Amino acid sequence: MKMTIGVMGSVSGNSQEASEKSYQLGCAIAEHDCITVTGACPGLPYDAVMGAKDNGGMTVGVSPGHNFAEHTIRYNSPYLGFDIIIYTGSGLMGREITGVRTCDMVVIAGGRSGTLGEFAIAYDEGKIIGVLKGTGGITEAIKGLIPIMNKETGATVIYDEDPQQLVKKMVELSIARRFNKACISENAAQSVLKSKDLDDESNIATAIEEIEAEIMLLQENIYAHKEQLKNYYNLINSGRSDG
């Protein structure tokens, strides 16, 4: 299963440099065989969509509207370049939760109050968050906000001004997290054995059920991890052969 990377950022008032970086960000997401997810809005997120499409990537938009007409007329939002648009009918603020939860990882590019809200949701839910430096907006303030929040959520924030390097670091960390979850599942199966009184037949049956459940989770995590490693290996080798 492909990983999803959300691009959250400014709709308007962006510099040419920020637009170019966002376009390259979309290119990098596609090149790492990930799906680009945005709020189906104009601006820097849409620049990323265009970059992803120009590199054969898949794109998903999470719209605030109820339907296509509301999306294009009321919210004046684009539709070209999207493979899928999800109509939430939740409005601009409401769709942010759906948008963030659709993503395995989130990149912040530029941004104002709306993007700050998306960052807060992603941070609270322990996401991997990339900050694309050099795009202005709240990207210049995030590093200072984290100590003020003083909250451990499991989120990891990565900073880089190079879109390619930023996506590379995020994908590698996501793969490492999946591998760690697989190891945790194995340890959990071992702890089931240690916690049961195996002289009691009913406890043995319960232990078997619990271990089987942990084994299934372990197998799922290992399979997902192997697939991501294969994809990443193929991408690296493809880049070497092209260069």
C-alpha atoms as a PDB file:
ATOM      1  CA  MET A   1       0.000   0.000   0.000  1.00  0.00           C
ATOM      2  CA  LYS A   2       1.362   3.405  -0.972  1.00  0.00           C
ATOM      3  CA  MET A   3       2.068   5.999   1.689  1.00  0.00           C
ATOM      4  CA  THR A   4       0.149   9.284   1.647  1.00  0.00           C
ATOM      5  CA  ILE A   5       1.800  12.670   2.152  1.00  0.00           C
ATOM      6  CA  GLY A   6      -0.382  15.695   2.768  1.00  0.00           C
ATOM      7  CA  VAL A   7       0.681  19.155   1.614  1.00  0.00           C
ATOM      8  CA  MET A   8      -0.835  21.897   3.768  1.00  0.00           C
ATOM      9  CA  GLY A   9      -0.079  25.534   2.994  1.00  0.00           C
ATOM     10  CA  SER A  10      -1.018  29.032   1.862  1.00  0.00           C
ATOM     11  CA  VAL A  11      -3.743  29.557  -0.722  1.00  0.00           C
ATOM     12  CA  SER A  12      -2.637  33.066  -1.695  1.00  0.00           C
ATOM     13  CA  GLY A  13       0.077  35.674  -1.208  1.00  0.00           C
ATOM     14  CA  ASN A  14       2.906  33.267  -1.995  1.00  0.00           C
ATOM     15  CA  SER A  15       6.293  34.132  -3.450  1.00  0.00           C
ATOM     16  CA  GLN A  16       7.576  32.640  -6.682  1.00  0.00           C
ATOM     17  CA  GLU A  17      10.235  30.801  -4.697  1.00  0.00           C
ATOM     18  CA  ALA A  18       7.591  29.221  -2.453  1.00  0.00           C
ATOM     19  CA  SER A  19       5.551  28.133  -5.488  1.00  0.00           C
ATOM     20  CA  GLU A  20       8.580  26.562  -7.144  1.00  0.00           C
ATOM     21  CA  LYS A  21       9.554  24.735  -3.952  1.00  0.00           C
ATOM     22  CA  SER A  22       6.010  23.413  -3.585  1.00  0.00           C
ATOM     23  CA  TYR A  23       6.014  22.214  -7.181  1.00  0.00           C
ATOM     24  CA  GLN A  24       9.301  20.386  -6.551  1.00  0.00           C
ATOM     25  CA  LEU A  25       7.789  18.966  -3.374  1.00  0.00           C
ATOM     26  CA  GLY A  26       5.011  17.364  -5.422  1.00  0.00           C
ATOM     27  CA  CYS A  27       7.621  16.002  -7.833  1.00  0.00           C
ATOM     28  CA  ALA A  28       9.533  14.458  -4.922  1.00  0.00           C
ATOM     29  CA  ILE A  29       6.402  12.867  -3.435  1.00  0.00           C
ATOM     30  CA  ALA A  30       5.609  11.222  -6.773  1.00  0.00           C
ATOM     31  CA  GLU A  31       9.204  10.107  -7.258  1.00  0.00           C
ATOM     32  CA  HIS A  32       9.090   8.344  -3.889  1.00  0.00           C
ATOM     33  CA  ASP A  33       5.943   6.507  -5.043  1.00  0.00           C
ATOM     34  CA  CYS A  34       3.718   8.250  -2.491  1.00  0.00           C
ATOM     35  CA  ILE A  35       0.255   9.770  -2.939  1.00  0.00           C
ATOM     36  CA  THR A  36      -0.120  13.561  -2.675  1.00  0.00           C
ATOM     37  CA  VAL A  37      -3.071  14.693  -0.558  1.00  0.00           C
ATOM     38  CA  THR A  38      -4.230  18.329  -0.248  1.00  0.00           C
ATOM     39  CA  GLY A  39      -7.299  20.282   0.779  1.00  0.00           C
ATOM     40  CA  ALA A  40      -8.227  20.511  -2.922  1.00  0.00           C
ATOM     41  CA  CYS A  41      -7.431  24.212  -2.759  1.00  0.00           C
ATOM     42  CA  PRO A  42      -5.391  26.685  -4.845  1.00  0.00           C
ATOM     43  CA  GLY A  43      -1.983  28.060  -3.863  1.00  0.00           C
ATOM     44  CA  LEU A  44       1.035  26.106  -2.637  1.00  0.00           C
ATOM     45  CA  PRO A  45      -0.849  22.811  -2.146  1.00  0.00           C
ATOM     46  CA  TYR A  46      -2.039  22.983  -5.756  1.00  0.00           C
ATOM     47  CA  ASP A  47       1.516  23.693  -6.944  1.00  0.00           C
ATOM     48  CA  ALA A  48       2.451  20.395  -5.279  1.00  0.00           C
ATOM     49  CA  VAL A  49      -0.425  18.644  -7.060  1.00  0.00           C
ATOM     50  CA  MET A  50       0.855  19.888 -10.402  1.00  0.00           C
ATOM     51  CA  GLY A  51       4.365  18.693  -9.598  1.00  0.00           C
ATOM     52  CA  ALA A  52       3.072  15.279  -8.622  1.00  0.00           C
ATOM     53  CA  LYS A  53       0.979  14.911 -11.790  1.00  0.00           C
ATOM     54  CA  ASP A  54       3.874  15.989 -14.015  1.00  0.00           C
ATOM     55  CA  ASN A  55       5.844  13.112 -12.502  1.00  0.00           C
ATOM     56  CA  GLY A  56       3.114  10.482 -12.823  1.00  0.00           C
ATOM     57  CA  GLY A  57       2.015  10.610  -9.180  1.00  0.00           C
ATOM     58  CA  MET A  58      -1.449  10.019  -7.774  1.00  0.00           C
ATOM     59  CA  THR A  59      -3.275  12.976  -6.190  1.00  0.00           C
ATOM     60  CA  VAL A  60      -6.218  13.214  -3.787  1.00  0.00           C
ATOM     61  CA  GLY A  61      -8.122  16.356  -2.810  1.00  0.00           C
ATOM     62  CA  VAL A  62     -10.214  16.649   0.361  1.00  0.00           C
ATOM     63  CA  SER A  63     -12.831  19.278  -0.472  1.00  0.00           C
ATOM     64  CA  PRO A  64     -14.806  21.442   1.981  1.00  0.00           C
ATOM     65  CA  GLY A  65     -17.803  21.259  -0.355  1.00  0.00           C
ATOM     66  CA  HIS A  66     -20.735  18.853  -0.550  1.00  0.00           C
ATOM     67  CA  ASN A  67     -20.323  18.270  -4.278  1.00  0.00           C
ATOM     68  CA  PHE A  68     -18.527  19.357  -7.427  1.00  0.00           C
ATOM     69  CA  ALA A  69     -20.647  22.481  -7.914  1.00  0.00           C
ATOM     70  CA  GLU A  70     -20.051  23.732  -4.381  1.00  0.00           C
ATOM     71  CA  HIS A  71     -16.373  22.873  -4.632  1.00  0.00           C
ATOM     72  CA  THR A  72     -15.847  24.902  -7.804  1.00  0.00           C
ATOM     73  CA  ILE A  73     -18.383  27.731  -7.414  1.00  0.00           C
ATOM     74  CA  ARG A  74     -18.714  28.461  -3.688  1.00  0.00           C
ATOM     75  CA  TYR A  75     -15.116  27.669  -2.755  1.00  0.00           C
ATOM     76  CA  ASN A  76     -13.602  28.599  -6.134  1.00  0.00           C
ATOM     77  CA  SER A  77     -11.294  25.587  -5.891  1.00  0.00           C
ATOM     78  CA  PRO A  78      -9.501  23.678  -8.663  1.00  0.00           C
ATOM     79  CA  TYR A  79     -10.332  20.188  -9.855  1.00  0.00           C
ATOM     80  CA  LEU A  80      -7.933  19.593 -12.735  1.00  0.00           C
ATOM     81  CA  GLY A  81      -4.969  17.457 -11.738  1.00  0.00           C
ATOM     82  CA  PHE A  82      -6.806  15.473  -9.068  1.00  0.00           C
ATOM     83  CA  ASP A  83      -7.343  11.745  -9.480  1.00  0.00           C
ATOM     84  CA  ILE A  84      -9.847  11.711  -6.618  1.00  0.00           C
ATOM     85  CA  ILE A  85     -11.767  14.456  -4.827  1.00  0.00           C
ATOM     86  CA  ILE A  86     -13.420  13.589  -1.512  1.00  0.00           C
ATOM     87  CA  TYR A  87     -16.418  15.843  -0.820  1.00  0.00           C
ATOM     88  CA  THR A  88     -16.684  16.242   2.960  1.00  0.00           C
ATOM     89  CA  GLY A  89     -19.332  18.967   3.126  1.00  0.00           C
ATOM     90  CA  SER A  90     -17.565  20.043   6.332  1.00  0.00           C
ATOM     91  CA  GLY A  91     -16.511  23.559   5.322  1.00  0.00           C
ATOM     92  CA  LEU A  92     -12.999  24.943   5.326  1.00  0.00           C
ATOM     93  CA  MET A  93     -12.254  24.256   8.983  1.00  0.00           C
ATOM     94  CA  GLY A  94     -14.147  20.985   9.302  1.00  0.00           C
ATOM     95  CA  ARG A  95     -12.412  19.283   6.400  1.00  0.00           C
ATOM     96  CA  GLU A  96      -8.997  19.817   8.048  1.00  0.00           C
ATOM     97  CA  ILE A  97      -9.402  16.824  10.372  1.00  0.00           C
ATOM     98  CA  THR A  98     -10.396  14.529   7.499  1.00  0.00           C
ATOM     99  CA  GLY A  99      -7.529  15.855   5.400  1.00  0.00           C
ATOM    100  CA  VAL A 100      -4.882  15.299   8.053  1.00  0.00           C
ATOM    101  CA  ARG A 101      -6.182  11.851   9.017  1.00  0.00           C
ATOM    102  CA  THR A 102      -6.068  10.782   5.379  1.00  0.00           C
ATOM    103  CA  CYS A 103      -2.286  11.287   5.458  1.00  0.00           C
ATOM    104  CA  ASP A 104       0.508   9.138   6.841  1.00  0.00           C
ATOM    105  CA  MET A 105       2.703  12.238   6.858  1.00  0.00           C
ATOM    106  CA  VAL A 106       2.147  15.976   6.449  1.00  0.00           C
ATOM    107  CA  VAL A 107       4.278  18.737   4.917  1.00  0.00           C
ATOM    108  CA  ILE A 108       3.753  22.369   5.890  1.00  0.00           C
ATOM    109  CA  ALA A 109       4.526  24.896   3.133  1.00  0.00           C
ATOM    110  CA  GLY A 110       4.027  28.575   3.889  1.00  0.00           C
ATOM    111  CA  GLY A 111       0.704  28.835   5.651  1.00  0.00           C
ATOM    112  CA  ARG A 112      -1.403  31.076   7.833  1.00  0.00           C
ATOM    113  CA  SER A 113      -4.090  30.394  10.466  1.00  0.00           C
ATOM    114  CA  GLY A 114      -5.740  27.520   8.561  1.00  0.00           C
ATOM    115  CA  THR A 115      -2.432  25.767   7.995  1.00  0.00           C
ATOM    116  CA  LEU A 116      -1.547  26.327  11.644  1.00  0.00           C
ATOM    117  CA  GLY A 117      -4.720  24.441  12.549  1.00  0.00           C
ATOM    118  CA  GLU A 118      -3.699  21.553  10.294  1.00  0.00           C
ATOM    119  CA  PHE A 119      -0.244  21.509  11.868  1.00  0.00           C
ATOM    120  CA  ALA A 120      -1.828  21.378  15.342  1.00  0.00           C
ATOM    121  CA  ILE A 121      -4.036  18.420  14.353  1.00  0.00           C
ATOM    122  CA  ALA A 122      -1.101  16.536  12.819  1.00  0.00           C
ATOM    123  CA  TYR A 123       1.077  17.256  15.847  1.00  0.00           C
ATOM    124  CA  ASP A 124      -1.602  16.129  18.318  1.00  0.00           C
ATOM    125  CA  GLU A 125      -2.089  12.897  16.378  1.00  0.00           C
ATOM    126  CA  GLY A 126       1.610  12.023  16.385  1.00  0.00           C
ATOM    127  CA  LYS A 127       2.246  12.388  12.666  1.00  0.00           C
ATOM    128  CA  ILE A 128       5.559  12.767  10.886  1.00  0.00           C
ATOM    129  CA  ILE A 129       5.548  16.447   9.896  1.00  0.00           C
ATOM    130  CA  GLY A 130       7.866  18.036   7.354  1.00  0.00           C
ATOM    131  CA  VAL A 131       8.443  21.784   7.329  1.00  0.00           C
ATOM    132  CA  LEU A 132       9.498  23.114   3.918  1.00  0.00           C
ATOM    133  CA  LYS A 133      11.794  25.984   4.837  1.00  0.00           C
ATOM    134  CA  GLY A 134      12.038  29.009   2.564  1.00  0.00           C
ATOM    135  CA  THR A 135       8.293  29.120   1.853  1.00  0.00           C
ATOM    136  CA  GLY A 136       7.433  31.774   4.444  1.00  0.00           C
ATOM    137  CA  GLY A 137       4.289  31.895   6.567  1.00  0.00           C
ATOM    138  CA  ILE A 138       4.073  29.745   9.668  1.00  0.00           C
ATOM    139  CA  THR A 139       7.046  27.624   8.557  1.00  0.00           C
ATOM    140  CA  GLU A 140       9.175  30.375  10.084  1.00  0.00           C
ATOM    141  CA  ALA A 141       7.418  30.097  13.465  1.00  0.00           C
ATOM    142  CA  ILE A 142       6.875  26.358  14.003  1.00  0.00           C
ATOM    143  CA  LYS A 143      10.253  25.651  15.605  1.00  0.00           C
ATOM    144  CA  GLY A 144       9.504  28.278  18.243  1.00  0.00           C
ATOM    145  CA  LEU A 145       5.955  27.048  18.864  1.00  0.00           C
ATOM    146  CA  ILE A 146       6.822  23.461  19.760  1.00  0.00           C
ATOM    147  CA  PRO A 147       8.604  24.270  23.058  1.00  0.00           C
ATOM    148  CA  ILE A 148       5.681  26.549  24.007  1.00  0.00           C
ATOM    149  CA  MET A 149       3.164  23.736  23.436  1.00  0.00           C
ATOM    150  CA  ASN A 150       5.257  21.538  25.748  1.00  0.00           C
ATOM    151  CA  LYS A 151       3.337  18.401  24.811  1.00  0.00           C
ATOM    152  CA  GLU A 152       4.663  14.949  23.921  1.00  0.00           C
ATOM    153  CA  THR A 153       2.419  13.366  21.288  1.00  0.00           C
ATOM    154  CA  GLY A 154       4.785  11.098  19.374  1.00  0.00           C
ATOM    155  CA  ALA A 155       4.971  13.572  16.491  1.00  0.00           C
ATOM    156  CA  THR A 156       8.297  14.104  14.745  1.00  0.00           C
ATOM    157  CA  VAL A 157       8.982  17.408  12.983  1.00  0.00           C
ATOM    158  CA  ILE A 158      11.617  17.507  10.226  1.00  0.00           C
ATOM    159  CA  TYR A 159      12.943  20.726   8.688  1.00  0.00           C
ATOM    160  CA  ASP A 160      14.583  21.114   5.282  1.00  0.00           C
ATOM    161  CA  GLU A 161      14.651  23.699   2.502  1.00  0.00           C
ATOM    162  CA  ASP A 162      15.276  21.032  -0.151  1.00  0.00           C
ATOM    163  CA  PRO A 163      11.962  19.322  -1.108  1.00  0.00           C
ATOM    164  CA  GLN A 164      13.727  16.165  -2.278  1.00  0.00           C
ATOM    165  CA  GLN A 165      15.708  15.769   0.936  1.00  0.00           C
ATOM    166  CA  LEU A 166      12.652  16.553   3.058  1.00  0.00           C
ATOM    167  CA  VAL A 167      10.530  13.828   1.447  1.00  0.00           C
ATOM    168  CA  LYS A 168      13.433  11.357   1.559  1.00  0.00           C
ATOM    169  CA  LYS A 169      13.886  11.886   5.309  1.00  0.00           C
ATOM    170  CA  MET A 170      10.144  11.561   5.945  1.00  0.00           C
ATOM    171  CA  VAL A 171       9.775   8.331   3.960  1.00  0.00           C
ATOM    172  CA  GLU A 172      12.799   6.776   5.661  1.00  0.00           C
ATOM    173  CA  LEU A 173      11.413   7.672   9.089  1.00  0.00           C
ATOM    174  CA  SER A 174       7.989   6.264   8.195  1.00  0.00           C
ATOM    175  CA  ILE A 175       9.574   2.961   7.154  1.00  0.00           C
ATOM    176  CA  ALA A 176      11.554   2.880  10.407  1.00  0.00           C
ATOM    177  CA  ARG A 177       8.361   3.481  12.403  1.00  0.00           C
ATOM    178  CA  ARG A 178       6.607   0.586  10.688  1.00  0.00           C
ATOM    179  CA  PHE A 179       9.536  -1.694  11.437  1.00  0.00           C
ATOM    180  CA  ASN A 180       9.453  -0.622  15.082  1.00  0.00           C
ATOM    181  CA  LYS A 181       5.733  -1.442  15.292  1.00  0.00           C
ATOM    182  CA  ALA A 182       6.456  -4.922  13.963  1.00  0.00           C
ATOM    183  CA  CYS A 183       9.052  -5.422  16.704  1.00  0.00           C
ATOM    184  CA  ILE A 184       6.590  -4.193  19.336  1.00  0.00           C
ATOM    185  CA  SER A 185       4.017  -6.752  18.118  1.00  0.00           C
ATOM    186  CA  GLU A 186       6.550  -9.550  18.513  1.00  0.00           C
ATOM    187  CA  ASN A 187       7.356  -8.412  22.051  1.00  0.00           C
ATOM    188  CA  ALA A 188       3.644  -8.240  22.874  1.00  0.00           C
ATOM    189  CA  ALA A 189       3.207 -11.886  21.827  1.00  0.00           C
ATOM    190  CA  GLN A 190       6.035 -12.877  24.154  1.00  0.00           C
ATOM    191  CA  SER A 191       4.478 -10.932  27.028  1.00  0.00           C
ATOM    192  CA  VAL A 192       1.189 -12.838  26.590  1.00  0.00           C
ATOM    193  CA  LEU A 193       3.000 -16.096  27.283  1.00  0.00           C
ATOM    194  CA  LYS A 194       4.671 -14.729  30.386  1.00  0.00           C
ATOM    195  CA  SER A 195       1.459 -13.261  31.815  1.00  0.00           C
ATOM    196  CA  LYS A 196      -0.685 -16.424  31.660  1.00  0.00           C
ATOM    197  CA  ASP A 197      -0.941 -19.317  34.090  1.00  0.00           C
ATOM    198  CA  LEU A 198      -0.503 -22.114  31.572  1.00  0.00           C
ATOM    199  CA  ASP A 199      -1.508 -24.797  34.080  1.00  0.00           C
ATOM    200  CA  ASP A 200      -5.104 -23.721  33.482  1.00  0.00           C
ATOM    201  CA  GLU A 201      -6.552 -25.058  30.196  1.00  0.00           C
ATOM    202  CA  SER A 202      -8.818 -22.016  29.699  1.00  0.00           C
ATOM    203  CA  ASN A 203      -5.812 -19.738  30.053  1.00  0.00           C
ATOM    204  CA  ILE A 204      -3.985 -21.732  27.408  1.00  0.00           C
ATOM    205  CA  ALA A 205      -6.858 -21.247  24.949  1.00  0.00           C
ATOM    206  CA  THR A 206      -6.975 -17.522  25.705  1.00  0.00           C
ATOM    207  CA  ALA A 207      -3.208 -17.231  25.331  1.00  0.00           C
ATOM    208  CA  ILE A 208      -3.358 -18.968  21.939  1.00  0.00           C
ATOM    209  CA  GLU A 209      -6.051 -16.562  20.717  1.00  0.00           C
ATOM    210  CA  GLU A 210      -4.126 -13.531  21.892  1.00  0.00           C
ATOM    211  CA  ILE A 211      -0.853 -14.766  20.382  1.00  0.00           C
ATOM    212  CA  GLU A 212      -2.589 -15.523  17.065  1.00  0.00           C
ATOM    213  CA  ALA A 213      -3.939 -11.964  17.016  1.00  0.00           C
ATOM    214  CA  GLU A 214      -0.456 -10.582  17.677  1.00  0.00           C
ATOM    215  CA  ILE A 215       1.025 -12.833  14.971  1.00  0.00           C
ATOM    216  CA  MET A 216      -1.501 -11.525  12.433  1.00  0.00           C
ATOM    217  CA  LEU A 217      -0.608  -7.939  13.310  1.00  0.00           C
ATOM    218  CA  LEU A 218       3.081  -8.791  13.128  1.00  0.00           C
ATOM    219  CA  GLN A 219       2.646 -10.376   9.679  1.00  0.00           C
ATOM    220  CA  GLU A 220       0.738  -7.334   8.412  1.00  0.00           C
ATOM    221  CA  ASN A 221       3.419  -4.969   9.667  1.00  0.00           C
ATOM    222  CA  ILE A 222       6.233  -7.072   8.219  1.00  0.00           C
ATOM    223  CA  TYR A 223       4.498  -7.300   4.833  1.00  0.00           C
ATOM    224  CA  ALA A 224       3.907  -3.524   4.718  1.00  0.00           C
ATOM    225  CA  HIS A 225       7.496  -2.927   5.757  1.00  0.00           C
ATOM    226  CA  LYS A 226       8.865  -5.273   3.067  1.00  0.00           C
ATOM    227  CA  GLU A 227       6.769  -3.647   0.355  1.00  0.00           C
ATOM    228  CA  GLN A 228       7.960  -0.173   1.323  1.00  0.00           C
ATOM    229  CA  LEU A 229      11.569  -1.327   1.390  1.00  0.00           C
ATOM    230  CA  LYS A 230      11.176  -2.896  -2.068  1.00  0.00           C
ATOM    231  CA  ASN A 231       9.649   0.296  -3.466  1.00  0.00           C
ATOM    232  CA  TYR A 232      12.337   2.435  -1.881  1.00  0.00           C
ATOM    233  CA  TYR A 233      15.099   0.113  -3.134  1.00  0.00           C
ATOM    234  CA  ASN A 234      13.694   0.216  -6.671  1.00  0.00           C
ATOM    235  CA  LEU A 235      13.473   4.008  -6.584  1.00  0.00           C
ATOM    236  CA  ILE A 236      17.078   4.342  -5.429  1.00  0.00           C
ATOM    237  CA  ASN A 237      18.334   1.961  -8.121  1.00  0.00           C
ATOM    238  CA  SER A 238      16.246   3.690 -10.753  1.00  0.00           C
ATOM    239  CA  GLY A 239      17.823   6.996  -9.825  1.00  0.00           C
ATOM    240  CA  ARG A 240      21.297   5.494 -10.026  1.00  0.00           C
ATOM    241  CA  SER A 241      20.677   3.955 -13.421  1.00  0.00           C
ATOM    242  CA  ASP A 242      19.240   7.211 -14.763  1.00  0.00           C
ATOM    243  CA  GLY A 243      22.220   9.210 -13.492  1.00  0.00           C
END
